[in-house]
PDB file of N, CA and C in Angstrom:
ATOM      1  N   UNK A   1     123.202   9.278  49.936  1.00  0.00           N
ATOM      2  CA  UNK A   1     121.813   9.798  49.230  1.00  0.00           C
ATOM      3  C   UNK A   1     120.844   7.903  49.699  1.00  0.00           C
ATOM      4  N   UNK A   2     119.424   9.521  48.936  1.00  0.00           N
ATOM      5  CA  UNK A   2     118.493   8.061  48.722  1.00  0.00           C
ATOM      6  C   UNK A   2     117.849   8.286  47.570  1.00  0.00           C
ATOM      7  N   UNK A   3     117.182   7.276  47.296  1.00  0.00           N
ATOM      8  CA  UNK A   3     116.869   7.036  45.869  1.00  0.00           C
ATOM      9  C   UNK A   3     115.186   6.132  46.103  1.00  0.00           C
ATOM     10  N   UNK A   4     114.315   6.895  45.390  1.00  0.00           N
ATOM     11  CA  UNK A   4     113.433   5.968  45.295  1.00  0.00           C
ATOM     12  C   UNK A   4     113.090   4.980  44.182  1.00  0.00           C
ATOM     13  N   UNK A   5     112.895   3.668  44.909  1.00  0.00           N
ATOM     14  CA  UNK A   5     113.140   2.445  44.423  1.00  0.00           C
ATOM     15  C   UNK A   5     111.732   1.779  44.623  1.00  0.00           C
ATOM     16  N   UNK A   6     111.145   2.377  42.997  1.00  0.00           N
ATOM     17  CA  UNK A   6     109.667   1.748  42.989  1.00  0.00           C
ATOM     18  C   UNK A   6     109.072   2.255  44.326  1.00  0.00           C
ATOM     19  N   UNK A   7     107.715   1.516  45.396  1.00  0.00           N
ATOM     20  CA  UNK A   7     107.932   2.169  46.681  1.00  0.00           C
ATOM     21  C   UNK A   7     108.602   2.267  47.889  1.00  0.00           C
ATOM     22  N   UNK A   8     109.862   1.652  47.605  1.00  0.00           N
ATOM     23  CA  UNK A   8     111.045   2.167  48.680  1.00  0.00           C
ATOM     24  C   UNK A   8     111.901   2.995  48.607  1.00  0.00           C
ATOM     25  N   UNK A   9     112.387   3.849  49.713  1.00  0.00           N
ATOM     26  CA  UNK A   9     113.652   4.563  49.094  1.00  0.00           C
ATOM     27  C   UNK A   9     114.367   3.730  49.674  1.00  0.00           C
ATOM     28  N   UNK A  10     115.513   3.723  49.028  1.00  0.00           N
ATOM     29  CA  UNK A  10     116.528   3.051  49.237  1.00  0.00           C
ATOM     30  C   UNK A  10     117.722   3.792  49.277  1.00  0.00           C
ATOM     31  N   UNK A  11     118.891   3.400  50.181  1.00  0.00           N
ATOM     32  CA  UNK A  11     119.712   4.188  50.455  1.00  0.00           C
ATOM     33  C   UNK A  11     121.243   3.794  49.382  1.00  0.00           C
ATOM     34  N   UNK A  12     121.219   4.594  48.744  1.00  0.00           N
ATOM     35  CA  UNK A  12     122.380   3.741  47.484  1.00  0.00           C
ATOM     36  C   UNK A  12     124.028   3.740  47.906  1.00  0.00           C
ATOM     37  N   UNK A  13     123.646   4.414  48.793  1.00  0.00           N
ATOM     38  CA  UNK A  13     125.521   4.425  49.168  1.00  0.00           C
ATOM     39  C   UNK A  13     125.709   2.995  49.895  1.00  0.00           C
ATOM     40  N   UNK A  14     124.191   2.547  50.453  1.00  0.00           N
ATOM     41  CA  UNK A  14     124.071   1.087  51.378  1.00  0.00           C
ATOM     42  C   UNK A  14     124.399   0.029  50.332  1.00  0.00           C
ATOM     43  N   UNK A  15     124.248   0.079  48.952  1.00  0.00           N
ATOM     44  CA  UNK A  15     123.786  -0.787  48.701  1.00  0.00           C
ATOM     45  C   UNK A  15     125.146  -0.930  47.729  1.00  0.00           C
ATOM     46  N   UNK A  16     125.798   0.366  47.051  1.00  0.00           N
ATOM     47  CA  UNK A  16     126.653   0.612  46.588  1.00  0.00           C
ATOM     48  C   UNK A  16     127.995  -0.280  47.453  1.00  0.00           C
ATOM     49  N   UNK A  17     127.846   0.417  48.456  1.00  0.00           N
ATOM     50  CA  UNK A  17     129.461  -0.324  49.908  1.00  0.00           C
ATOM     51  C   UNK A  17     129.763  -1.775  49.692  1.00  0.00           C
ATOM     52  N   UNK A  18     127.967  -2.460  50.259  1.00  0.00           N
ATOM     53  CA  UNK A  18     127.941  -3.950  50.390  1.00  0.00           C
ATOM     54  C   UNK A  18     128.074  -4.629  48.974  1.00  0.00           C
ATOM     55  N   UNK A  19     127.439  -3.518  48.192  1.00  0.00           N
ATOM     56  CA  UNK A  19     128.188  -4.384  46.511  1.00  0.00           C
ATOM     57  C   UNK A  19     129.871  -4.535  45.920  1.00  0.00           C
ATOM     58  N   UNK A  20     130.264  -3.403  46.516  1.00  0.00           N
ATOM     59  CA  UNK A  20     131.783  -2.836  46.848  1.00  0.00           C
ATOM     60  C   UNK A  20     132.599  -4.305  47.239  1.00  0.00           C
ATOM     61  N   UNK A  21     132.042  -4.353  48.292  1.00  0.00           N
ATOM     62  CA  UNK A  21     133.125  -5.883  49.046  1.00  0.00           C
ATOM     63  C   UNK A  21     132.518  -7.068  48.669  1.00  0.00           C
ATOM     64  N   UNK A  22     131.191  -7.151  48.234  1.00  0.00           N
ATOM     65  CA  UNK A  22     131.165  -8.559  47.491  1.00  0.00           C
ATOM     66  C   UNK A  22     131.433  -9.238  46.677  1.00  0.00           C
ATOM     67  N   UNK A  23     131.225  -8.342  45.317  1.00  0.00           N
ATOM     68  CA  UNK A  23     132.152  -7.868  43.872  1.00  0.00           C
ATOM     69  C   UNK A  23     133.348  -8.570  43.969  1.00  0.00           C
ATOM     70  N   UNK A  24     134.189  -7.660  45.363  1.00  0.00           N
ATOM     71  CA  UNK A  24     135.770  -8.039  45.096  1.00  0.00           C
ATOM     72  C   UNK A  24     135.676  -9.544  45.841  1.00  0.00           C
ATOM     73  N   UNK A  25     135.417  -9.468  46.322  1.00  0.00           N
ATOM     74  CA  UNK A  25     135.527 -11.497  47.452  1.00  0.00           C
ATOM     75  C   UNK A  25     135.116 -12.473  46.214  1.00  0.00           C
ATOM     76  N   UNK A  26     134.027 -11.954  45.339  1.00  0.00           N
ATOM     77  CA  UNK A  26     133.709 -13.176  44.266  1.00  0.00           C
ATOM     78  C   UNK A  26     134.454 -13.166  43.555  1.00  0.00           C
ATOM     79  N   UNK A  27     135.158 -11.784  42.644  1.00  0.00           N
ATOM     80  CA  UNK A  27     136.222 -12.066  42.193  1.00  0.00           C
ATOM     81  C   UNK A  27     137.330 -12.061  41.717  1.00  0.00           C
ATOM     82  N   UNK A  28     137.895 -12.630  43.316  1.00  0.00           N
ATOM     83  CA  UNK A  28     138.598 -13.086  43.992  1.00  0.00           C
ATOM     84  C   UNK A  28     138.490 -14.767  44.198  1.00  0.00           C
ATOM     85  N   UNK A  29     137.827 -14.805  43.872  1.00  0.00           N
ATOM     86  CA  UNK A  29     137.603 -16.417  44.280  1.00  0.00           C
ATOM     87  C   UNK A  29     136.864 -17.396  42.290  1.00  0.00           C
ATOM     88  N   UNK A  30     137.645 -16.061  41.982  1.00  0.00           N
ATOM     89  CA  UNK A  30     136.724 -16.508  40.582  1.00  0.00           C
ATOM     90  C   UNK A  30     135.255 -16.940  40.377  1.00  0.00           C
ATOM     91  N   UNK A  31     134.204 -16.073  41.177  1.00  0.00           N
ATOM     92  CA  UNK A  31     133.090 -16.885  41.206  1.00  0.00           C
ATOM     93  C   UNK A  31     132.184 -15.582  40.092  1.00  0.00           C
ATOM     94  N   UNK A  32     133.027 -14.435  39.821  1.00  0.00           N
ATOM     95  CA  UNK A  32     132.346 -13.778  39.216  1.00  0.00           C
ATOM     96  C   UNK A  32     133.576 -13.154  38.077  1.00  0.00           C
ATOM     97  N   UNK A  33     133.267 -12.862  37.125  1.00  0.00           N
ATOM     98  CA  UNK A  33     134.055 -12.449  36.011  1.00  0.00           C
ATOM     99  C   UNK A  33     135.075 -10.701  35.986  1.00  0.00           C
ATOM    100  N   UNK A  34     136.094 -10.577  35.653  1.00  0.00           N
ATOM    101  CA  UNK A  34     136.528  -9.494  35.835  1.00  0.00           C
ATOM    102  C   UNK A  34     135.792  -8.783  35.084  1.00  0.00           C
ATOM    103  N   UNK A  35     134.725  -7.764  35.215  1.00  0.00           N
ATOM    104  CA  UNK A  35     134.370  -6.602  34.445  1.00  0.00           C
ATOM    105  C   UNK A  35     134.041  -5.801  34.870  1.00  0.00           C
ATOM    106  N   UNK A  36     133.693  -4.365  33.919  1.00  0.00           N
ATOM    107  CA  UNK A  36     133.224  -2.698  34.118  1.00  0.00           C
ATOM    108  C   UNK A  36     131.837  -3.373  35.246  1.00  0.00           C
ATOM    109  N   UNK A  37     130.506  -4.010  33.894  1.00  0.00           N
ATOM    110  CA  UNK A  37     129.343  -4.045  34.256  1.00  0.00           C
ATOM    111  C   UNK A  37     129.405  -4.679  35.473  1.00  0.00           C
ATOM    112  N   UNK A  38     127.827  -3.804  36.582  1.00  0.00           N
ATOM    113  CA  UNK A  38     128.090  -4.583  37.494  1.00  0.00           C
ATOM    114  C   UNK A  38     126.816  -5.679  37.419  1.00  0.00           C
ATOM    115  N   UNK A  39     127.283  -6.781  38.349  1.00  0.00           N
ATOM    116  CA  UNK A  39     126.356  -8.098  38.549  1.00  0.00           C
ATOM    117  C   UNK A  39     124.769  -7.819  38.691  1.00  0.00           C
ATOM    118  N   UNK A  40     123.769  -7.719  37.761  1.00  0.00           N
ATOM    119  CA  UNK A  40     122.474  -7.844  38.307  1.00  0.00           C
ATOM    120  C   UNK A  40     121.985  -8.675  39.297  1.00  0.00           C
ATOM    121  N   UNK A  41     122.429  -9.975  39.554  1.00  0.00           N
ATOM    122  CA  UNK A  41     122.075 -10.752  40.159  1.00  0.00           C
ATOM    123  C   UNK A  41     122.517 -10.639  41.922  1.00  0.00           C
ATOM    124  N   UNK A  42     124.117  -9.812  41.918  1.00  0.00           N
ATOM    125  CA  UNK A  42     124.606  -9.439  43.806  1.00  0.00           C
ATOM    126  C   UNK A  42     123.721  -8.685  43.834  1.00  0.00           C
ATOM    127  N   UNK A  43     123.339  -7.479  43.187  1.00  0.00           N
ATOM    128  CA  UNK A  43     122.705  -6.266  43.514  1.00  0.00           C
ATOM    129  C   UNK A  43     121.518  -6.826  43.616  1.00  0.00           C
ATOM    130  N   UNK A  44     120.872  -7.397  42.912  1.00  0.00           N
ATOM    131  CA  UNK A  44     118.987  -7.863  43.589  1.00  0.00           C
ATOM    132  C   UNK A  44     119.444  -8.354  44.822  1.00  0.00           C
ATOM    133  N   UNK A  45     120.235  -9.898  44.535  1.00  0.00           N
ATOM    134  CA  UNK A  45     120.342 -10.244  46.329  1.00  0.00           C
ATOM    135  C   UNK A  45     120.467  -8.701  47.328  1.00  0.00           C
ATOM    136  N   UNK A  46     121.731  -8.214  47.369  1.00  0.00           N
ATOM    137  CA  UNK A  46     121.420  -6.773  48.199  1.00  0.00           C
ATOM    138  C   UNK A  46     120.375  -6.352  48.520  1.00  0.00           C
ATOM    139  N   UNK A  47     119.956  -6.054  47.462  1.00  0.00           N
ATOM    140  CA  UNK A  47     118.256  -5.468  47.232  1.00  0.00           C
ATOM    141  C   UNK A  47     117.360  -6.026  48.188  1.00  0.00           C
ATOM    142  N   UNK A  48     116.919  -7.548  48.321  1.00  0.00           N
ATOM    143  CA  UNK A  48     116.000  -8.069  48.776  1.00  0.00           C
ATOM    144  C   UNK A  48     116.349  -8.140  50.141  1.00  0.00           C
ATOM    145  N   UNK A  49     118.327  -8.403  50.209  1.00  0.00           N
ATOM    146  CA  UNK A  49     118.550  -8.719  52.139  1.00  0.00           C
ATOM    147  C   UNK A  49     118.191  -6.808  52.820  1.00  0.00           C
ATOM    148  N   UNK A  50     118.505  -6.176  52.146  1.00  0.00           N
ATOM    149  CA  UNK A  50     118.142  -4.401  52.553  1.00  0.00           C
ATOM    150  C   UNK A  50     115.891  -4.272  52.837  1.00  0.00           C
ATOM    151  N   UNK A  51     115.472  -5.128  52.002  1.00  0.00           N
ATOM    152  CA  UNK A  51     113.795  -5.231  52.231  1.00  0.00           C
ATOM    153  C   UNK A  51     113.660  -5.925  53.448  1.00  0.00           C
ATOM    154  N   UNK A  52     114.412  -7.142  53.762  1.00  0.00           N
ATOM    155  CA  UNK A  52     113.968  -7.925  54.807  1.00  0.00           C
ATOM    156  C   UNK A  52     114.709  -7.304  56.046  1.00  0.00           C
ATOM    157  N   UNK A  53     114.744  -6.201  55.931  1.00  0.00           N
ATOM    158  CA  UNK A  53     115.524  -5.450  57.018  1.00  0.00           C
ATOM    159  C   UNK A  53     117.118  -5.082  57.337  1.00  0.00           C
ATOM    160  N   UNK A  54     117.510  -5.995  56.885  1.00  0.00           N
ATOM    161  CA  UNK A  54     119.575  -5.513  57.081  1.00  0.00           C
ATOM    162  C   UNK A  54     119.962  -4.514  56.533  1.00  0.00           C
ATOM    163  N   UNK A  55     120.809  -3.745  57.056  1.00  0.00           N
ATOM    164  CA  UNK A  55     121.061  -2.624  56.827  1.00  0.00           C
ATOM    165  C   UNK A  55     123.065  -2.224  57.668  1.00  0.00           C
ATOM    166  N   UNK A  56     123.321  -2.634  57.683  1.00  0.00           N
ATOM    167  CA  UNK A  56     124.334  -2.880  57.712  1.00  0.00           C
ATOM    168  C   UNK A  56     125.855  -3.844  56.702  1.00  0.00           C
ATOM    169  N   UNK A  57     125.870  -3.103  56.078  1.00  0.00           N
ATOM    170  CA  UNK A  57     127.301  -3.032  54.859  1.00  0.00           C
ATOM    171  C   UNK A  57     128.092  -4.100  55.126  1.00  0.00           C
ATOM    172  N   UNK A  58     128.630  -4.489  56.290  1.00  0.00           N
ATOM    173  CA  UNK A  58     129.029  -5.899  55.981  1.00  0.00           C
ATOM    174  C   UNK A  58     128.555  -7.079  55.922  1.00  0.00           C
ATOM    175  N   UNK A  59     127.449  -7.301  56.786  1.00  0.00           N
ATOM    176  CA  UNK A  59     126.400  -8.018  57.530  1.00  0.00           C
ATOM    177  C   UNK A  59     126.066  -8.282  56.051  1.00  0.00           C
ATOM    178  N   UNK A  60     125.221  -7.380  55.426  1.00  0.00           N
ATOM    179  CA  UNK A  60     125.043  -7.747  53.987  1.00  0.00           C
ATOM    180  C   UNK A  60     125.720  -8.304  52.562  1.00  0.00           C
ATOM    181  N   UNK A  61     127.225  -7.892  52.278  1.00  0.00           N
ATOM    182  CA  UNK A  61     128.066  -8.255  52.207  1.00  0.00           C
ATOM    183  C   UNK A  61     128.243  -9.867  51.896  1.00  0.00           C
ATOM    184  N   UNK A  62     128.223 -10.346  53.467  1.00  0.00           N
ATOM    185  CA  UNK A  62     128.754 -11.157  53.835  1.00  0.00           C
ATOM    186  C   UNK A  62     127.576 -12.307  53.340  1.00  0.00           C
ATOM    187  N   UNK A  63     125.760 -12.036  54.143  1.00  0.00           N
ATOM    188  CA  UNK A  63     125.263 -12.523  53.633  1.00  0.00           C
ATOM    189  C   UNK A  63     124.638 -12.448  51.851  1.00  0.00           C
ATOM    190  N   UNK A  64     125.010 -11.641  51.252  1.00  0.00           N
ATOM    191  CA  UNK A  64     125.393 -11.583  49.755  1.00  0.00           C
ATOM    192  C   UNK A  64     125.999 -12.644  49.426  1.00  0.00           C
ATOM    193  N   UNK A  65     127.513 -12.822  49.364  1.00  0.00           N
ATOM    194  CA  UNK A  65     128.648 -13.842  49.088  1.00  0.00           C
ATOM    195  C   UNK A  65     127.837 -15.370  48.944  1.00  0.00           C
ATOM    196  N   UNK A  66     126.795 -15.285  50.354  1.00  0.00           N
ATOM    197  CA  UNK A  66     126.389 -16.865  50.812  1.00  0.00           C
ATOM    198  C   UNK A  66     125.258 -17.324  49.487  1.00  0.00           C
ATOM    199  N   UNK A  67     124.929 -15.876  49.694  1.00  0.00           N
ATOM    200  CA  UNK A  67     123.304 -16.534  49.272  1.00  0.00           C
ATOM    201  C   UNK A  67     124.040 -16.442  47.411  1.00  0.00           C
ATOM    202  N   UNK A  68     124.869 -15.795  47.254  1.00  0.00           N
ATOM    203  CA  UNK A  68     125.880 -15.949  45.628  1.00  0.00           C
ATOM    204  C   UNK A  68     125.914 -16.786  45.348  1.00  0.00           C
ATOM    205  N   UNK A  69     126.791 -17.543  46.361  1.00  0.00           N
ATOM    206  CA  UNK A  69     127.834 -18.538  45.628  1.00  0.00           C
ATOM    207  C   UNK A  69     126.596 -19.818  45.756  1.00  0.00           C
ATOM    208  N   UNK A  70     125.698 -19.871  46.789  1.00  0.00           N
ATOM    209  CA  UNK A  70     124.558 -21.147  46.640  1.00  0.00           C
ATOM    210  C   UNK A  70     123.991 -20.904  45.732  1.00  0.00           C
ATOM    211  N   UNK A  71     123.853 -19.844  44.743  1.00  0.00           N
ATOM    212  CA  UNK A  71     122.327 -19.953  43.650  1.00  0.00           C
ATOM    213  C   UNK A  71     123.698 -20.420  43.023  1.00  0.00           C
ATOM    214  N   UNK A  72     124.385 -19.093  42.088  1.00  0.00           N
ATOM    215  CA  UNK A  72     125.157 -18.898  41.390  1.00  0.00           C
ATOM    216  C   UNK A  72     126.160 -20.207  40.689  1.00  0.00           C
ATOM    217  N   UNK A  73     126.738 -20.581  41.890  1.00  0.00           N
ATOM    218  CA  UNK A  73     128.317 -21.546  41.418  1.00  0.00           C
ATOM    219  C   UNK A  73     127.998 -22.721  41.966  1.00  0.00           C
ATOM    220  N   UNK A  74     129.454 -23.842  41.195  1.00  0.00           N
ATOM    221  CA  UNK A  74     128.996 -25.025  40.716  1.00  0.00           C
ATOM    222  C   UNK A  74     129.734 -25.604  42.168  1.00  0.00           C
TER     223      UNK A  74
END
């Protein structure tokens, strides 16, 4: 499924899959709280990675995890 995101067309399924992988890991490590609402910071990281040309969901998730941990955890 494609969605218009400003001037870019984005694959919502790709963002969703990468977010699910990354958020599950980050919740297990305690870096993300157990909430129902998505974490906007993590979504923003994934979208930025897609804009830079990454389209593999596992690499997206791993890079998003690393970026999130560096930016938002102590």
